[in-house]
Amino acid sequence: MGAGGTAGIISQFTGSAGWACLVGIICIVVPFVFNRVFFFLPIIGLILAAQAIFRSKQMIGGIVAIVLNVIGGIITLIGIFG
């Protein structure tokens, strides 16, 4: 029973949701590691997350991606405006 539940959760992070989560993680990590910010990447991540929720019904992955990209967007704004 445990393996089936894990496979169900992992399937939420494929396709658009997986890409949106990856973009969100990049938006959070890169400013701290390389001292650079990406201006449009959080917006692209939010679009991918919305696609994951509405088109492929990956609700959990889409919500996680939205949270990651909002945090990445806040970090980007702080990096731009100091």
N, C-alpha and C. Protein backbone atom coordinates (compact mmCIF):
# COMPACT_ATOMS: atom_id res chain seq x y z
N MET A 1 0.81 -1.19 0.00
CA MET A 1 0.00 0.00 0.00
C MET A 1 0.86 1.26 0.00
N GLY A 2 2.00 1.22 0.66
CA GLY A 2 2.86 2.39 0.73
C GLY A 2 3.46 2.77 -0.62
N ALA A 3 3.84 1.77 -1.42
CA ALA A 3 4.44 2.06 -2.72
C ALA A 3 3.43 2.67 -3.67
N GLY A 4 2.18 2.25 -3.61
CA GLY A 4 1.16 2.82 -4.48
C GLY A 4 0.88 4.27 -4.16
N GLY A 5 0.87 4.60 -2.87
CA GLY A 5 0.66 5.99 -2.47
C GLY A 5 1.81 6.89 -2.91
N THR A 6 3.02 6.38 -2.82
CA THR A 6 4.17 7.15 -3.25
C THR A 6 4.14 7.39 -4.75
N ALA A 7 3.75 6.39 -5.51
CA ALA A 7 3.67 6.55 -6.96
C ALA A 7 2.61 7.59 -7.32
N GLY A 8 1.52 7.65 -6.55
CA GLY A 8 0.49 8.64 -6.81
C GLY A 8 0.97 10.06 -6.56
N ILE A 9 1.75 10.25 -5.51
CA ILE A 9 2.28 11.58 -5.20
C ILE A 9 3.32 11.98 -6.24
N ILE A 10 4.20 11.06 -6.62
CA ILE A 10 5.24 11.38 -7.60
C ILE A 10 4.62 11.74 -8.95
N SER A 11 3.50 11.13 -9.29
CA SER A 11 2.86 11.44 -10.57
C SER A 11 2.31 12.86 -10.60
N GLN A 12 2.16 13.49 -9.45
CA GLN A 12 1.71 14.89 -9.41
C GLN A 12 2.80 15.85 -9.86
N PHE A 13 4.04 15.41 -9.88
CA PHE A 13 5.17 16.27 -10.22
C PHE A 13 5.80 15.91 -11.56
N THR A 14 4.99 15.53 -12.52
CA THR A 14 5.47 15.25 -13.87
C THR A 14 4.94 16.31 -14.81
N GLY A 15 5.51 16.41 -15.97
CA GLY A 15 5.02 17.34 -16.98
C GLY A 15 5.17 18.79 -16.58
N SER A 16 4.11 19.55 -16.78
CA SER A 16 4.14 20.99 -16.49
C SER A 16 4.39 21.28 -15.02
N ALA A 17 3.84 20.46 -14.14
CA ALA A 17 4.04 20.68 -12.71
C ALA A 17 5.51 20.48 -12.32
N GLY A 18 6.14 19.48 -12.90
CA GLY A 18 7.55 19.24 -12.63
C GLY A 18 8.42 20.38 -13.11
N TRP A 19 8.13 20.85 -14.32
CA TRP A 19 8.89 21.98 -14.85
C TRP A 19 8.66 23.24 -14.03
N ALA A 20 7.44 23.46 -13.60
CA ALA A 20 7.13 24.64 -12.80
C ALA A 20 7.84 24.58 -11.45
N CYS A 21 7.90 23.41 -10.83
CA CYS A 21 8.63 23.26 -9.57
C CYS A 21 10.12 23.48 -9.77
N LEU A 22 10.66 22.96 -10.85
CA LEU A 22 12.08 23.16 -11.15
C LEU A 22 12.39 24.64 -11.34
N VAL A 23 11.53 25.35 -12.07
CA VAL A 23 11.72 26.79 -12.28
C VAL A 23 11.65 27.53 -10.94
N GLY A 24 10.71 27.14 -10.08
CA GLY A 24 10.59 27.77 -8.77
C GLY A 24 11.83 27.55 -7.91
N ILE A 25 12.36 26.34 -7.92
CA ILE A 25 13.57 26.05 -7.15
C ILE A 25 14.75 26.86 -7.70
N ILE A 26 14.84 26.97 -9.01
CA ILE A 26 15.91 27.77 -9.62
C ILE A 26 15.78 29.23 -9.19
N CYS A 27 14.56 29.76 -9.17
CA CYS A 27 14.34 31.15 -8.77
C CYS A 27 14.72 31.40 -7.32
N ILE A 28 14.61 30.37 -6.48
CA ILE A 28 14.96 30.53 -5.08
C ILE A 28 16.45 30.34 -4.84
N VAL A 29 17.07 29.37 -5.49
CA VAL A 29 18.46 29.00 -5.19
C VAL A 29 19.48 29.92 -5.87
N VAL A 30 19.25 30.25 -7.14
CA VAL A 30 20.26 30.97 -7.93
C VAL A 30 20.64 32.33 -7.32
N PRO A 31 19.71 33.14 -6.82
CA PRO A 31 20.15 34.42 -6.25
C PRO A 31 21.11 34.27 -5.06
N PHE A 32 20.97 33.21 -4.30
CA PHE A 32 21.85 33.03 -3.15
C PHE A 32 23.19 32.41 -3.53
N VAL A 33 23.20 31.56 -4.55
CA VAL A 33 24.42 30.85 -4.92
C VAL A 33 25.26 31.68 -5.90
N PHE A 34 24.62 32.26 -6.93
CA PHE A 34 25.36 32.95 -7.98
C PHE A 34 25.18 34.45 -7.98
N ASN A 35 24.40 35.00 -7.03
CA ASN A 35 24.17 36.43 -6.92
C ASN A 35 23.56 37.01 -8.21
N ARG A 36 22.64 36.29 -8.81
CA ARG A 36 21.92 36.71 -10.02
C ARG A 36 20.43 36.51 -9.79
N VAL A 37 19.61 37.30 -10.47
CA VAL A 37 18.16 37.10 -10.43
C VAL A 37 17.64 36.97 -11.85
N PHE A 38 16.58 36.21 -12.00
CA PHE A 38 15.92 36.04 -13.29
C PHE A 38 14.60 36.80 -13.24
N PHE A 39 14.44 37.77 -14.14
CA PHE A 39 13.29 38.66 -14.07
C PHE A 39 11.98 37.95 -14.42
N PHE A 40 11.96 37.19 -15.50
CA PHE A 40 10.72 36.63 -16.00
C PHE A 40 10.49 35.18 -15.58
N LEU A 41 11.47 34.55 -14.98
CA LEU A 41 11.35 33.13 -14.64
C LEU A 41 10.22 32.83 -13.65
N PRO A 42 9.99 33.64 -12.61
CA PRO A 42 8.85 33.34 -11.73
C PRO A 42 7.50 33.44 -12.46
N ILE A 43 7.38 34.34 -13.41
CA ILE A 43 6.14 34.48 -14.17
C ILE A 43 5.93 33.24 -15.05
N ILE A 44 7.00 32.79 -15.69
CA ILE A 44 6.92 31.58 -16.51
C ILE A 44 6.54 30.38 -15.65
N GLY A 45 7.11 30.31 -14.45
CA GLY A 45 6.78 29.22 -13.54
C GLY A 45 5.32 29.24 -13.11
N LEU A 46 4.78 30.44 -12.88
CA LEU A 46 3.36 30.53 -12.51
C LEU A 46 2.46 30.10 -13.67
N ILE A 47 2.84 30.44 -14.88
CA ILE A 47 2.06 30.02 -16.05
C ILE A 47 2.09 28.50 -16.19
N LEU A 48 3.27 27.91 -16.01
CA LEU A 48 3.39 26.44 -16.08
C LEU A 48 2.58 25.78 -14.97
N ALA A 49 2.59 26.37 -13.78
CA ALA A 49 1.82 25.81 -12.67
C ALA A 49 0.32 25.87 -12.96
N ALA A 50 -0.14 26.97 -13.53
CA ALA A 50 -1.55 27.08 -13.89
C ALA A 50 -1.92 26.05 -14.95
N GLN A 51 -1.04 25.83 -15.91
CA GLN A 51 -1.29 24.81 -16.91
C GLN A 51 -1.39 23.43 -16.27
N ALA A 52 -0.52 23.16 -15.30
CA ALA A 52 -0.55 21.86 -14.64
C ALA A 52 -1.86 21.65 -13.90
N ILE A 53 -2.38 22.69 -13.29
CA ILE A 53 -3.63 22.55 -12.54
C ILE A 53 -4.82 22.41 -13.48
N PHE A 54 -4.90 23.27 -14.48
CA PHE A 54 -6.11 23.31 -15.30
C PHE A 54 -6.13 22.30 -16.44
N ARG A 55 -4.98 22.00 -17.03
CA ARG A 55 -4.97 21.09 -18.17
C ARG A 55 -4.78 19.64 -17.78
N SER A 56 -3.81 19.37 -16.94
CA SER A 56 -3.49 17.96 -16.65
C SER A 56 -3.95 17.52 -15.26
N LYS A 57 -4.65 18.37 -14.55
CA LYS A 57 -5.24 18.02 -13.25
C LYS A 57 -4.20 17.54 -12.22
N GLN A 58 -3.05 18.18 -12.21
CA GLN A 58 -2.03 17.87 -11.23
C GLN A 58 -2.08 18.94 -10.13
N MET A 59 -3.08 18.82 -9.27
CA MET A 59 -3.38 19.86 -8.29
C MET A 59 -2.26 20.04 -7.27
N ILE A 60 -1.76 18.96 -6.70
CA ILE A 60 -0.73 19.05 -5.66
C ILE A 60 0.55 19.65 -6.24
N GLY A 61 1.01 19.13 -7.37
CA GLY A 61 2.21 19.66 -8.00
C GLY A 61 2.05 21.10 -8.42
N GLY A 62 0.88 21.47 -8.90
CA GLY A 62 0.63 22.85 -9.30
C GLY A 62 0.65 23.82 -8.13
N ILE A 63 0.05 23.41 -7.01
CA ILE A 63 0.04 24.28 -5.83
C ILE A 63 1.44 24.44 -5.26
N VAL A 64 2.20 23.35 -5.19
CA VAL A 64 3.59 23.44 -4.73
C VAL A 64 4.39 24.36 -5.65
N ALA A 65 4.17 24.24 -6.95
CA ALA A 65 4.88 25.08 -7.91
C ALA A 65 4.50 26.55 -7.75
N ILE A 66 3.22 26.82 -7.50
CA ILE A 66 2.80 28.21 -7.29
C ILE A 66 3.49 28.80 -6.06
N VAL A 67 3.53 28.05 -4.98
CA VAL A 67 4.19 28.53 -3.76
C VAL A 67 5.67 28.79 -4.01
N LEU A 68 6.35 27.85 -4.68
CA LEU A 68 7.77 28.03 -4.97
C LEU A 68 8.01 29.25 -5.85
N ASN A 69 7.16 29.46 -6.86
CA ASN A 69 7.37 30.59 -7.76
C ASN A 69 7.01 31.93 -7.12
N VAL A 70 6.05 31.94 -6.21
CA VAL A 70 5.76 33.18 -5.49
C VAL A 70 6.93 33.54 -4.58
N ILE A 71 7.49 32.55 -3.90
CA ILE A 71 8.68 32.81 -3.07
C ILE A 71 9.83 33.28 -3.95
N GLY A 72 10.03 32.62 -5.10
CA GLY A 72 11.07 33.05 -6.04
C GLY A 72 10.83 34.45 -6.57
N GLY A 73 9.56 34.80 -6.81
CA GLY A 73 9.24 36.16 -7.26
C GLY A 73 9.53 37.20 -6.20
N ILE A 74 9.24 36.88 -4.95
CA ILE A 74 9.55 37.81 -3.86
C ILE A 74 11.05 38.00 -3.73
N ILE A 75 11.79 36.92 -3.82
CA ILE A 75 13.26 37.01 -3.76
C ILE A 75 13.78 37.84 -4.93
N THR A 76 13.20 37.65 -6.11
CA THR A 76 13.60 38.43 -7.28
C THR A 76 13.32 39.91 -7.07
N LEU A 77 12.16 40.25 -6.54
CA LEU A 77 11.84 41.66 -6.28
C LEU A 77 12.76 42.26 -5.25
N ILE A 78 13.08 41.50 -4.21
CA ILE A 78 14.04 41.98 -3.21
C ILE A 78 15.41 42.19 -3.84
N GLY A 79 15.80 41.28 -4.73
CA GLY A 79 17.10 41.42 -5.41
C GLY A 79 17.15 42.61 -6.33
N ILE A 80 16.02 42.95 -6.97
CA ILE A 80 16.00 44.07 -7.90
C ILE A 80 15.94 45.40 -7.15
N PHE A 81 15.04 45.50 -6.19
CA PHE A 81 14.79 46.78 -5.53
C PHE A 81 15.51 46.94 -4.21
N GLY A 82 16.23 45.92 -3.80
CA GLY A 82 17.07 46.01 -2.64
C GLY A 82 16.35 46.01 -1.34
